[in-house]
Amino acid sequence: CWDEPSRKAVFAVTLVVEAHLTAFSNMPEKAMKFTKAGSKVMREISFMDSPKMSTYLVAIVVGEFDFVQAKTEHGVLVRVYTPPGRSEA
């Protein structure tokens, strides 16, 4: 990894995951559609382009998660992901 301004890039992330899994990345979802891979139902999730950043900052998370969410007084949605069954703990 190079942490130099000339080495940074914009990342366009699209993930294809099993439909029951949660997937997220650095940016908000841009689009989501269901597809099939053989007999499996999959979700194709596209995220908005990132700002210019170093490669080591790209986050891709896929798994089984619960979440809690709320809006701040300024209307910003904040979501915290938890292991399954722990969102009420």
N, C-alpha and C. Protein backbone atom coordinates (compact mmCIF):
# COMPACT_ATOMS: atom_id res chain seq x y z
N CYS A 1 0.83 -1.19 0.00
CA CYS A 1 0.00 0.00 0.00
C CYS A 1 0.87 1.25 0.00
N TRP A 2 0.48 2.16 -0.83
CA TRP A 2 1.15 3.46 -0.89
C TRP A 2 0.19 4.52 -0.39
N ASP A 3 0.61 5.28 0.59
CA ASP A 3 -0.25 6.34 1.12
C ASP A 3 0.25 7.68 0.61
N GLU A 4 0.13 7.85 -0.70
CA GLU A 4 0.55 9.09 -1.35
C GLU A 4 -0.63 9.62 -2.17
N PRO A 5 -0.81 10.93 -2.22
CA PRO A 5 -1.95 11.48 -2.98
C PRO A 5 -2.03 10.98 -4.42
N SER A 6 -0.92 10.78 -5.08
CA SER A 6 -0.96 10.34 -6.48
C SER A 6 -1.35 8.87 -6.62
N ARG A 7 -1.37 8.12 -5.55
CA ARG A 7 -1.70 6.69 -5.58
C ARG A 7 -3.12 6.40 -5.13
N LYS A 8 -3.87 7.41 -4.75
CA LYS A 8 -5.23 7.21 -4.28
C LYS A 8 -6.17 7.05 -5.48
N ALA A 9 -7.30 6.40 -5.22
CA ALA A 9 -8.24 6.12 -6.31
C ALA A 9 -9.67 6.20 -5.81
N VAL A 10 -10.60 6.32 -6.76
CA VAL A 10 -12.03 6.23 -6.48
C VAL A 10 -12.42 4.77 -6.65
N PHE A 11 -13.20 4.23 -5.70
CA PHE A 11 -13.59 2.83 -5.76
C PHE A 11 -15.08 2.70 -6.02
N ALA A 12 -15.44 1.89 -7.01
CA ALA A 12 -16.83 1.57 -7.34
C ALA A 12 -17.02 0.11 -6.95
N VAL A 13 -17.71 -0.13 -5.85
CA VAL A 13 -17.84 -1.47 -5.29
C VAL A 13 -19.21 -2.04 -5.63
N THR A 14 -19.23 -3.27 -6.16
CA THR A 14 -20.45 -4.04 -6.37
C THR A 14 -20.22 -5.42 -5.80
N LEU A 15 -21.13 -5.87 -4.95
CA LEU A 15 -21.01 -7.19 -4.32
C LEU A 15 -22.19 -8.06 -4.73
N VAL A 16 -21.93 -9.33 -4.95
CA VAL A 16 -22.98 -10.32 -5.21
C VAL A 16 -22.90 -11.33 -4.07
N VAL A 17 -23.96 -11.37 -3.26
CA VAL A 17 -23.97 -12.21 -2.06
C VAL A 17 -25.26 -13.00 -1.99
N GLU A 18 -25.25 -14.07 -1.20
CA GLU A 18 -26.48 -14.83 -0.98
C GLU A 18 -27.52 -13.90 -0.36
N ALA A 19 -28.77 -14.09 -0.75
CA ALA A 19 -29.84 -13.15 -0.40
C ALA A 19 -30.03 -12.98 1.10
N HIS A 20 -29.71 -13.98 1.90
CA HIS A 20 -29.95 -13.88 3.35
C HIS A 20 -28.83 -13.15 4.09
N LEU A 21 -27.74 -12.83 3.40
CA LEU A 21 -26.61 -12.17 4.05
C LEU A 21 -26.71 -10.65 3.96
N THR A 22 -26.11 -9.99 4.92
CA THR A 22 -25.99 -8.54 4.92
C THR A 22 -24.64 -8.18 4.32
N ALA A 23 -24.61 -7.16 3.48
CA ALA A 23 -23.35 -6.71 2.88
C ALA A 23 -23.31 -5.19 2.91
N PHE A 24 -22.16 -4.64 3.29
CA PHE A 24 -22.01 -3.20 3.23
C PHE A 24 -20.56 -2.84 2.97
N SER A 25 -20.37 -1.60 2.57
CA SER A 25 -19.05 -1.09 2.23
C SER A 25 -18.95 0.34 2.76
N ASN A 26 -17.94 1.08 2.32
CA ASN A 26 -17.71 2.43 2.82
C ASN A 26 -18.82 3.42 2.47
N MET A 27 -19.48 3.21 1.37
CA MET A 27 -20.44 4.19 0.86
C MET A 27 -21.86 3.65 0.93
N PRO A 28 -22.86 4.54 0.86
CA PRO A 28 -24.26 4.08 0.86
C PRO A 28 -24.59 3.25 -0.40
N GLU A 29 -25.62 2.42 -0.26
CA GLU A 29 -26.09 1.64 -1.41
C GLU A 29 -26.62 2.57 -2.49
N LYS A 30 -26.26 2.25 -3.73
CA LYS A 30 -26.78 2.97 -4.89
C LYS A 30 -27.93 2.20 -5.51
N ALA A 31 -27.78 0.87 -5.58
CA ALA A 31 -28.81 0.02 -6.19
C ALA A 31 -28.67 -1.40 -5.67
N MET A 32 -29.82 -2.12 -5.68
CA MET A 32 -29.81 -3.52 -5.27
C MET A 32 -30.81 -4.25 -6.15
N LYS A 33 -30.41 -5.43 -6.62
CA LYS A 33 -31.35 -6.27 -7.38
C LYS A 33 -31.08 -7.72 -7.05
N PHE A 34 -32.12 -8.54 -7.22
CA PHE A 34 -31.99 -9.98 -7.00
C PHE A 34 -31.60 -10.65 -8.31
N THR A 35 -30.72 -11.64 -8.21
CA THR A 35 -30.30 -12.43 -9.37
C THR A 35 -30.29 -13.90 -8.96
N LYS A 36 -30.07 -14.76 -9.92
CA LYS A 36 -29.95 -16.19 -9.63
C LYS A 36 -28.58 -16.68 -10.06
N ALA A 37 -28.02 -17.56 -9.26
CA ALA A 37 -26.78 -18.25 -9.61
C ALA A 37 -27.08 -19.74 -9.44
N GLY A 38 -27.41 -20.38 -10.53
CA GLY A 38 -27.88 -21.76 -10.43
C GLY A 38 -29.22 -21.75 -9.75
N SER A 39 -29.34 -22.48 -8.64
CA SER A 39 -30.61 -22.52 -7.90
C SER A 39 -30.63 -21.52 -6.74
N LYS A 40 -29.54 -20.79 -6.52
CA LYS A 40 -29.45 -19.85 -5.39
C LYS A 40 -29.94 -18.46 -5.79
N VAL A 41 -30.68 -17.84 -4.88
CA VAL A 41 -31.09 -16.45 -5.06
C VAL A 41 -29.99 -15.58 -4.46
N MET A 42 -29.51 -14.65 -5.25
CA MET A 42 -28.42 -13.77 -4.83
C MET A 42 -28.89 -12.32 -4.87
N ARG A 43 -28.18 -11.48 -4.13
CA ARG A 43 -28.42 -10.03 -4.20
C ARG A 43 -27.18 -9.37 -4.77
N GLU A 44 -27.38 -8.52 -5.75
CA GLU A 44 -26.29 -7.72 -6.32
C GLU A 44 -26.45 -6.30 -5.79
N ILE A 45 -25.48 -5.87 -5.00
CA ILE A 45 -25.56 -4.57 -4.34
C ILE A 45 -24.45 -3.68 -4.89
N SER A 46 -24.84 -2.53 -5.44
CA SER A 46 -23.88 -1.55 -5.93
C SER A 46 -23.87 -0.38 -4.94
N PHE A 47 -22.68 0.10 -4.67
CA PHE A 47 -22.51 1.21 -3.74
C PHE A 47 -22.07 2.46 -4.50
N MET A 48 -22.36 3.61 -3.93
CA MET A 48 -21.93 4.86 -4.55
C MET A 48 -20.40 4.89 -4.63
N ASP A 49 -19.87 5.62 -5.60
CA ASP A 49 -18.42 5.74 -5.72
C ASP A 49 -17.85 6.41 -4.47
N SER A 50 -16.68 5.93 -4.07
CA SER A 50 -16.02 6.51 -2.89
C SER A 50 -15.30 7.80 -3.28
N PRO A 51 -14.95 8.61 -2.30
CA PRO A 51 -14.03 9.70 -2.60
C PRO A 51 -12.65 9.10 -2.89
N LYS A 52 -11.73 9.87 -3.41
CA LYS A 52 -10.36 9.37 -3.60
C LYS A 52 -9.80 8.96 -2.26
N MET A 53 -9.28 7.73 -2.20
CA MET A 53 -8.73 7.24 -0.94
C MET A 53 -7.72 6.14 -1.19
N SER A 54 -6.97 5.81 -0.16
CA SER A 54 -5.98 4.74 -0.24
C SER A 54 -6.68 3.38 -0.23
N THR A 55 -6.04 2.40 -0.82
CA THR A 55 -6.62 1.06 -0.92
C THR A 55 -6.89 0.45 0.45
N TYR A 56 -6.06 0.74 1.43
CA TYR A 56 -6.23 0.10 2.73
C TYR A 56 -7.46 0.61 3.49
N LEU A 57 -8.14 1.61 2.97
CA LEU A 57 -9.34 2.13 3.60
C LEU A 57 -10.63 1.51 3.04
N VAL A 58 -10.52 0.73 1.96
CA VAL A 58 -11.71 0.11 1.36
C VAL A 58 -12.22 -0.99 2.30
N ALA A 59 -13.50 -0.90 2.63
CA ALA A 59 -14.12 -1.89 3.51
C ALA A 59 -15.18 -2.67 2.76
N ILE A 60 -15.12 -3.99 2.88
CA ILE A 60 -16.14 -4.88 2.33
C ILE A 60 -16.51 -5.84 3.45
N VAL A 61 -17.80 -5.82 3.82
CA VAL A 61 -18.27 -6.64 4.94
C VAL A 61 -19.46 -7.46 4.47
N VAL A 62 -19.39 -8.77 4.68
CA VAL A 62 -20.48 -9.67 4.30
C VAL A 62 -20.66 -10.67 5.43
N GLY A 63 -21.89 -10.85 5.87
CA GLY A 63 -22.14 -11.83 6.92
C GLY A 63 -23.56 -11.74 7.42
N GLU A 64 -23.80 -12.44 8.53
CA GLU A 64 -25.10 -12.42 9.18
C GLU A 64 -25.03 -11.39 10.30
N PHE A 65 -25.82 -10.33 10.19
CA PHE A 65 -25.81 -9.24 11.15
C PHE A 65 -27.22 -8.79 11.49
N ASP A 66 -27.39 -8.28 12.68
CA ASP A 66 -28.56 -7.48 13.05
C ASP A 66 -28.05 -6.05 13.15
N PHE A 67 -28.97 -5.10 13.31
CA PHE A 67 -28.53 -3.72 13.50
C PHE A 67 -29.55 -2.94 14.31
N VAL A 68 -29.08 -1.86 14.88
CA VAL A 68 -29.94 -0.87 15.50
C VAL A 68 -29.67 0.43 14.76
N GLN A 69 -30.69 1.27 14.65
CA GLN A 69 -30.50 2.53 13.94
C GLN A 69 -31.36 3.61 14.54
N ALA A 70 -30.94 4.83 14.33
CA ALA A 70 -31.69 6.00 14.77
C ALA A 70 -31.22 7.18 13.93
N LYS A 71 -32.02 8.25 13.96
CA LYS A 71 -31.62 9.48 13.27
C LYS A 71 -31.18 10.48 14.32
N THR A 72 -30.15 11.23 13.98
CA THR A 72 -29.70 12.30 14.86
C THR A 72 -30.69 13.46 14.77
N GLU A 73 -30.51 14.44 15.62
CA GLU A 73 -31.40 15.61 15.59
C GLU A 73 -31.29 16.38 14.28
N HIS A 74 -30.20 16.12 13.51
CA HIS A 74 -30.01 16.78 12.21
C HIS A 74 -30.45 15.89 11.05
N GLY A 75 -31.08 14.75 11.35
CA GLY A 75 -31.62 13.89 10.32
C GLY A 75 -30.64 12.91 9.70
N VAL A 76 -29.48 12.73 10.32
CA VAL A 76 -28.48 11.79 9.80
C VAL A 76 -28.78 10.40 10.35
N LEU A 77 -28.93 9.42 9.46
CA LEU A 77 -29.19 8.04 9.88
C LEU A 77 -27.89 7.42 10.37
N VAL A 78 -27.92 6.87 11.59
CA VAL A 78 -26.77 6.18 12.16
C VAL A 78 -27.18 4.74 12.41
N ARG A 79 -26.41 3.81 11.91
CA ARG A 79 -26.71 2.39 12.05
C ARG A 79 -25.49 1.68 12.63
N VAL A 80 -25.74 0.83 13.63
CA VAL A 80 -24.69 0.05 14.26
C VAL A 80 -25.03 -1.42 14.07
N TYR A 81 -24.11 -2.18 13.50
CA TYR A 81 -24.32 -3.60 13.22
C TYR A 81 -23.85 -4.43 14.40
N THR A 82 -24.59 -5.54 14.65
CA THR A 82 -24.29 -6.42 15.77
C THR A 82 -24.31 -7.87 15.30
N PRO A 83 -23.74 -8.78 16.08
CA PRO A 83 -23.94 -10.19 15.77
C PRO A 83 -25.43 -10.53 15.86
N PRO A 84 -25.89 -11.57 15.16
CA PRO A 84 -27.31 -11.93 15.21
C PRO A 84 -27.78 -12.12 16.65
N GLY A 85 -28.95 -11.57 16.96
CA GLY A 85 -29.53 -11.72 18.29
C GLY A 85 -29.01 -10.77 19.34
N ARG A 86 -28.08 -9.88 19.00
CA ARG A 86 -27.48 -8.98 19.99
C ARG A 86 -27.92 -7.53 19.83
N SER A 87 -28.85 -7.26 18.95
CA SER A 87 -29.25 -5.87 18.71
C SER A 87 -30.06 -5.30 19.87
N GLU A 88 -30.58 -6.12 20.73
CA GLU A 88 -31.35 -5.65 21.88
C GLU A 88 -30.54 -5.70 23.17
N ALA A 89 -29.29 -6.13 23.11
CA ALA A 89 -28.48 -6.28 24.34
C ALA A 89 -27.99 -4.95 24.87
